[in-house]
Amino acid sequence: RCPIQQAEEFFVALMEQGVSTELVRFPDENHELSRSGKPKHREERFQHILRWFEKHLK
């Protein structure tokens, strides 16, 4: 966990190095998204995680 600005800087640095990466932001959410976020955002977050596992853990 880090401030969003640091996450964005890290994301850009990874892209500049040619690393396949994705930055997912959820408007009006915070670090409690997985427990108390909007249901739509919680589901979308979970789907992103599942897709990451499917892609990287074969």
PDB file of N, CA and C in Angstrom:
ATOM      1  N   ARG A   1       0.842  -1.178   0.000  1.00  0.00           N
ATOM      2  CA  ARG A   1       0.000   0.000   0.000  1.00  0.00           C
ATOM      3  C   ARG A   1       0.881   1.233   0.000  1.00  0.00           C
ATOM      4  N   CYS A   2       0.475   2.175  -0.810  1.00  0.00           N
ATOM      5  CA  CYS A   2       1.227   3.419  -0.915  1.00  0.00           C
ATOM      6  C   CYS A   2       0.294   4.501  -1.455  1.00  0.00           C
ATOM      7  N   PRO A   3       0.712   5.753  -1.341  1.00  0.00           N
ATOM      8  CA  PRO A   3      -0.095   6.821  -1.924  1.00  0.00           C
ATOM      9  C   PRO A   3      -0.250   6.599  -3.428  1.00  0.00           C
ATOM     10  N   ILE A   4      -1.377   7.015  -3.981  1.00  0.00           N
ATOM     11  CA  ILE A   4      -1.659   6.781  -5.394  1.00  0.00           C
ATOM     12  C   ILE A   4      -0.580   7.379  -6.286  1.00  0.00           C
ATOM     13  N   GLN A   5      -0.010   8.503  -5.902  1.00  0.00           N
ATOM     14  CA  GLN A   5       1.043   9.117  -6.709  1.00  0.00           C
ATOM     15  C   GLN A   5       2.234   8.171  -6.846  1.00  0.00           C
ATOM     16  N   GLN A   6       2.613   7.501  -5.763  1.00  0.00           N
ATOM     17  CA  GLN A   6       3.727   6.552  -5.836  1.00  0.00           C
ATOM     18  C   GLN A   6       3.362   5.356  -6.712  1.00  0.00           C
ATOM     19  N   ALA A   7       2.131   4.903  -6.614  1.00  0.00           N
ATOM     20  CA  ALA A   7       1.688   3.781  -7.451  1.00  0.00           C
ATOM     21  C   ALA A   7       1.762   4.165  -8.925  1.00  0.00           C
ATOM     22  N   GLU A   8       1.347   5.380  -9.245  1.00  0.00           N
ATOM     23  CA  GLU A   8       1.394   5.840 -10.629  1.00  0.00           C
ATOM     24  C   GLU A   8       2.833   5.961 -11.124  1.00  0.00           C
ATOM     25  N   GLU A   9       3.728   6.457 -10.273  1.00  0.00           N
ATOM     26  CA  GLU A   9       5.139   6.575 -10.650  1.00  0.00           C
ATOM     27  C   GLU A   9       5.749   5.192 -10.884  1.00  0.00           C
ATOM     28  N   PHE A  10       5.427   4.254 -10.033  1.00  0.00           N
ATOM     29  CA  PHE A  10       5.926   2.887 -10.181  1.00  0.00           C
ATOM     30  C   PHE A  10       5.398   2.273 -11.474  1.00  0.00           C
ATOM     31  N   PHE A  11       4.131   2.482 -11.746  1.00  0.00           N
ATOM     32  CA  PHE A  11       3.509   1.989 -12.974  1.00  0.00           C
ATOM     33  C   PHE A  11       4.237   2.532 -14.206  1.00  0.00           C
ATOM     34  N   VAL A  12       4.483   3.827 -14.226  1.00  0.00           N
ATOM     35  CA  VAL A  12       5.180   4.446 -15.358  1.00  0.00           C
ATOM     36  C   VAL A  12       6.590   3.877 -15.487  1.00  0.00           C
ATOM     37  N   ALA A  13       7.292   3.720 -14.371  1.00  0.00           N
ATOM     38  CA  ALA A  13       8.650   3.173 -14.408  1.00  0.00           C
ATOM     39  C   ALA A  13       8.650   1.756 -14.971  1.00  0.00           C
ATOM     40  N   LEU A  14       7.686   0.944 -14.587  1.00  0.00           N
ATOM     41  CA  LEU A  14       7.597  -0.414 -15.129  1.00  0.00           C
ATOM     42  C   LEU A  14       7.351  -0.385 -16.634  1.00  0.00           C
ATOM     43  N   MET A  15       6.446   0.472 -17.065  1.00  0.00           N
ATOM     44  CA  MET A  15       6.153   0.574 -18.497  1.00  0.00           C
ATOM     45  C   MET A  15       7.387   1.013 -19.276  1.00  0.00           C
ATOM     46  N   GLU A  16       8.135   1.965 -18.720  1.00  0.00           N
ATOM     47  CA  GLU A  16       9.348   2.446 -19.393  1.00  0.00           C
ATOM     48  C   GLU A  16      10.391   1.341 -19.535  1.00  0.00           C
ATOM     49  N   GLN A  17      10.342   0.358 -18.645  1.00  0.00           N
ATOM     50  CA  GLN A  17      11.274  -0.770 -18.701  1.00  0.00           C
ATOM     51  C   GLN A  17      10.734  -1.923 -19.545  1.00  0.00           C
ATOM     52  N   GLY A  18       9.569  -1.725 -20.128  1.00  0.00           N
ATOM     53  CA  GLY A  18       8.991  -2.745 -20.989  1.00  0.00           C
ATOM     54  C   GLY A  18       8.310  -3.878 -20.245  1.00  0.00           C
ATOM     55  N   VAL A  19       7.997  -3.656 -18.983  1.00  0.00           N
ATOM     56  CA  VAL A  19       7.325  -4.673 -18.176  1.00  0.00           C
ATOM     57  C   VAL A  19       5.828  -4.625 -18.463  1.00  0.00           C
ATOM     58  N   SER A  20       5.245  -5.776 -18.745  1.00  0.00           N
ATOM     59  CA  SER A  20       3.804  -5.850 -18.944  1.00  0.00           C
ATOM     60  C   SER A  20       3.134  -5.544 -17.607  1.00  0.00           C
ATOM     61  N   THR A  21       2.365  -4.490 -17.563  1.00  0.00           N
ATOM     62  CA  THR A  21       1.776  -4.070 -16.294  1.00  0.00           C
ATOM     63  C   THR A  21       0.417  -3.421 -16.524  1.00  0.00           C
ATOM     64  N   GLU A  22      -0.333  -3.324 -15.469  1.00  0.00           N
ATOM     65  CA  GLU A  22      -1.655  -2.702 -15.525  1.00  0.00           C
ATOM     66  C   GLU A  22      -1.897  -1.997 -14.203  1.00  0.00           C
ATOM     67  N   LEU A  23      -2.415  -0.800 -14.265  1.00  0.00           N
ATOM     68  CA  LEU A  23      -2.776  -0.050 -13.071  1.00  0.00           C
ATOM     69  C   LEU A  23      -4.291   0.056 -13.048  1.00  0.00           C
ATOM     70  N   VAL A  24      -4.897  -0.427 -11.994  1.00  0.00           N
ATOM     71  CA  VAL A  24      -6.353  -0.405 -11.873  1.00  0.00           C
ATOM     72  C   VAL A  24      -6.718   0.540 -10.737  1.00  0.00           C
ATOM     73  N   ARG A  25      -7.520   1.534 -11.057  1.00  0.00           N
ATOM     74  CA  ARG A  25      -7.978   2.493 -10.042  1.00  0.00           C
ATOM     75  C   ARG A  25      -9.492   2.414  -9.938  1.00  0.00           C
ATOM     76  N   PHE A  26      -9.980   2.598  -8.727  1.00  0.00           N
ATOM     77  CA  PHE A  26     -11.414   2.598  -8.477  1.00  0.00           C
ATOM     78  C   PHE A  26     -11.788   3.946  -7.872  1.00  0.00           C
ATOM     79  N   PRO A  27     -12.506   4.776  -8.629  1.00  0.00           N
ATOM     80  CA  PRO A  27     -12.872   6.108  -8.141  1.00  0.00           C
ATOM     81  C   PRO A  27     -13.632   6.048  -6.814  1.00  0.00           C
ATOM     82  N   ASP A  28     -13.299   6.971  -5.949  1.00  0.00           N
ATOM     83  CA  ASP A  28     -13.974   7.122  -4.650  1.00  0.00           C
ATOM     84  C   ASP A  28     -13.796   5.921  -3.736  1.00  0.00           C
ATOM     85  N   GLU A  29     -12.748   5.129  -3.931  1.00  0.00           N
ATOM     86  CA  GLU A  29     -12.472   3.993  -3.051  1.00  0.00           C
ATOM     87  C   GLU A  29     -11.131   4.215  -2.365  1.00  0.00           C
ATOM     88  N   ASN A  30     -10.882   3.420  -1.329  1.00  0.00           N
ATOM     89  CA  ASN A  30      -9.615   3.498  -0.616  1.00  0.00           C
ATOM     90  C   ASN A  30      -9.118   2.083  -0.346  1.00  0.00           C
ATOM     91  N   HIS A  31      -8.218   1.934   0.612  1.00  0.00           N
ATOM     92  CA  HIS A  31      -7.633   0.622   0.892  1.00  0.00           C
ATOM     93  C   HIS A  31      -8.624  -0.367   1.501  1.00  0.00           C
ATOM     94  N   GLU A  32      -9.784   0.082   1.869  1.00  0.00           N
ATOM     95  CA  GLU A  32     -10.803  -0.807   2.432  1.00  0.00           C
ATOM     96  C   GLU A  32     -11.714  -1.381   1.350  1.00  0.00           C
ATOM     97  N   LEU A  33     -11.360  -1.199   0.097  1.00  0.00           N
ATOM     98  CA  LEU A  33     -12.190  -1.645  -1.025  1.00  0.00           C
ATOM     99  C   LEU A  33     -12.628  -3.094  -0.879  1.00  0.00           C
ATOM    100  N   SER A  34     -11.724  -3.970  -0.496  1.00  0.00           N
ATOM    101  CA  SER A  34     -12.062  -5.400  -0.442  1.00  0.00           C
ATOM    102  C   SER A  34     -13.084  -5.727   0.640  1.00  0.00           C
ATOM    103  N   ARG A  35     -13.227  -4.859   1.632  1.00  0.00           N
ATOM    104  CA  ARG A  35     -14.171  -5.129   2.721  1.00  0.00           C
ATOM    105  C   ARG A  35     -15.393  -4.233   2.710  1.00  0.00           C
ATOM    106  N   SER A  36     -15.190  -2.973   2.348  1.00  0.00           N
ATOM    107  CA  SER A  36     -16.319  -2.045   2.471  1.00  0.00           C
ATOM    108  C   SER A  36     -16.534  -1.194   1.219  1.00  0.00           C
ATOM    109  N   GLY A  37     -15.913  -1.583   0.120  1.00  0.00           N
ATOM    110  CA  GLY A  37     -16.097  -0.832  -1.123  1.00  0.00           C
ATOM    111  C   GLY A  37     -17.455  -1.091  -1.741  1.00  0.00           C
ATOM    112  N   LYS A  38     -17.744  -0.342  -2.770  1.00  0.00           N
ATOM    113  CA  LYS A  38     -18.997  -0.537  -3.499  1.00  0.00           C
ATOM    114  C   LYS A  38     -19.003  -1.949  -4.082  1.00  0.00           C
ATOM    115  N   PRO A  39     -20.127  -2.651  -3.993  1.00  0.00           N
ATOM    116  CA  PRO A  39     -20.179  -4.032  -4.492  1.00  0.00           C
ATOM    117  C   PRO A  39     -19.678  -4.181  -5.930  1.00  0.00           C
ATOM    118  N   LYS A  40     -20.033  -3.250  -6.795  1.00  0.00           N
ATOM    119  CA  LYS A  40     -19.580  -3.316  -8.190  1.00  0.00           C
ATOM    120  C   LYS A  40     -18.054  -3.265  -8.264  1.00  0.00           C
ATOM    121  N   HIS A  41     -17.441  -2.393  -7.478  1.00  0.00           N
ATOM    122  CA  HIS A  41     -15.984  -2.275  -7.475  1.00  0.00           C
ATOM    123  C   HIS A  41     -15.328  -3.500  -6.843  1.00  0.00           C
ATOM    124  N   ARG A  42     -15.947  -4.038  -5.817  1.00  0.00           N
ATOM    125  CA  ARG A  42     -15.386  -5.236  -5.180  1.00  0.00           C
ATOM    126  C   ARG A  42     -15.364  -6.398  -6.161  1.00  0.00           C
ATOM    127  N   GLU A  43     -16.440  -6.559  -6.921  1.00  0.00           N
ATOM    128  CA  GLU A  43     -16.511  -7.630  -7.923  1.00  0.00           C
ATOM    129  C   GLU A  43     -15.483  -7.396  -9.028  1.00  0.00           C
ATOM    130  N   GLU A  44     -15.389  -6.164  -9.505  1.00  0.00           N
ATOM    131  CA  GLU A  44     -14.432  -5.850 -10.568  1.00  0.00           C
ATOM    132  C   GLU A  44     -12.997  -6.100 -10.101  1.00  0.00           C
ATOM    133  N   ARG A  45     -12.690  -5.719  -8.876  1.00  0.00           N
ATOM    134  CA  ARG A  45     -11.358  -5.962  -8.304  1.00  0.00           C
ATOM    135  C   ARG A  45     -11.052  -7.450  -8.301  1.00  0.00           C
ATOM    136  N   PHE A  46     -12.004  -8.241  -7.856  1.00  0.00           N
ATOM    137  CA  PHE A  46     -11.816  -9.686  -7.785  1.00  0.00           C
ATOM    138  C   PHE A  46     -11.590 -10.272  -9.181  1.00  0.00           C
ATOM    139  N   GLN A  47     -12.324  -9.787 -10.171  1.00  0.00           N
ATOM    140  CA  GLN A  47     -12.146 -10.268 -11.542  1.00  0.00           C
ATOM    141  C   GLN A  47     -10.748  -9.934 -12.071  1.00  0.00           C
ATOM    142  N   HIS A  48     -10.242  -8.759 -11.729  1.00  0.00           N
ATOM    143  CA  HIS A  48      -8.870  -8.396 -12.126  1.00  0.00           C
ATOM    144  C   HIS A  48      -7.863  -9.370 -11.508  1.00  0.00           C
ATOM    145  N   ILE A  49      -8.070  -9.706 -10.255  1.00  0.00           N
ATOM    146  CA  ILE A  49      -7.167 -10.642  -9.572  1.00  0.00           C
ATOM    147  C   ILE A  49      -7.219 -12.010 -10.239  1.00  0.00           C
ATOM    148  N   LEU A  50      -8.419 -12.494 -10.522  1.00  0.00           N
ATOM    149  CA  LEU A  50      -8.549 -13.803 -11.173  1.00  0.00           C
ATOM    150  C   LEU A  50      -7.881 -13.816 -12.541  1.00  0.00           C
ATOM    151  N   ARG A  51      -8.056 -12.750 -13.319  1.00  0.00           N
ATOM    152  CA  ARG A  51      -7.409 -12.687 -14.638  1.00  0.00           C
ATOM    153  C   ARG A  51      -5.889 -12.677 -14.505  1.00  0.00           C
ATOM    154  N   TRP A  52      -5.373 -12.000 -13.476  1.00  0.00           N
ATOM    155  CA  TRP A  52      -3.929 -11.978 -13.265  1.00  0.00           C
ATOM    156  C   TRP A  52      -3.431 -13.393 -12.972  1.00  0.00           C
ATOM    157  N   PHE A  53      -4.129 -14.110 -12.090  1.00  0.00           N
ATOM    158  CA  PHE A  53      -3.744 -15.494 -11.782  1.00  0.00           C
ATOM    159  C   PHE A  53      -3.770 -16.357 -13.040  1.00  0.00           C
ATOM    160  N   GLU A  54      -4.832 -16.225 -13.827  1.00  0.00           N
ATOM    161  CA  GLU A  54      -4.953 -17.027 -15.048  1.00  0.00           C
ATOM    162  C   GLU A  54      -3.809 -16.742 -16.017  1.00  0.00           C
ATOM    163  N   LYS A  55      -3.411 -15.504 -16.106  1.00  0.00           N
ATOM    164  CA  LYS A  55      -2.358 -15.117 -17.045  1.00  0.00           C
ATOM    165  C   LYS A  55      -0.964 -15.520 -16.566  1.00  0.00           C
ATOM    166  N   HIS A  56      -0.696 -15.342 -15.284  1.00  0.00           N
ATOM    167  CA  HIS A  56       0.677 -15.472 -14.785  1.00  0.00           C
ATOM    168  C   HIS A  56       0.982 -16.768 -14.046  1.00  0.00           C
ATOM    169  N   LEU A  57      -0.017 -17.545 -13.721  1.00  0.00           N
ATOM    170  CA  LEU A  57       0.235 -18.753 -12.932  1.00  0.00           C
ATOM    171  C   LEU A  57      -0.127 -20.018 -13.692  1.00  0.00           C
ATOM    172  N   LYS A  58       0.177 -20.056 -14.963  1.00  0.00           N
ATOM    173  CA  LYS A  58      -0.102 -21.251 -15.768  1.00  0.00           C
ATOM    174  C   LYS A  58       1.056 -22.210 -15.687  1.00  0.00           C
TER     175      LYS A  58
END
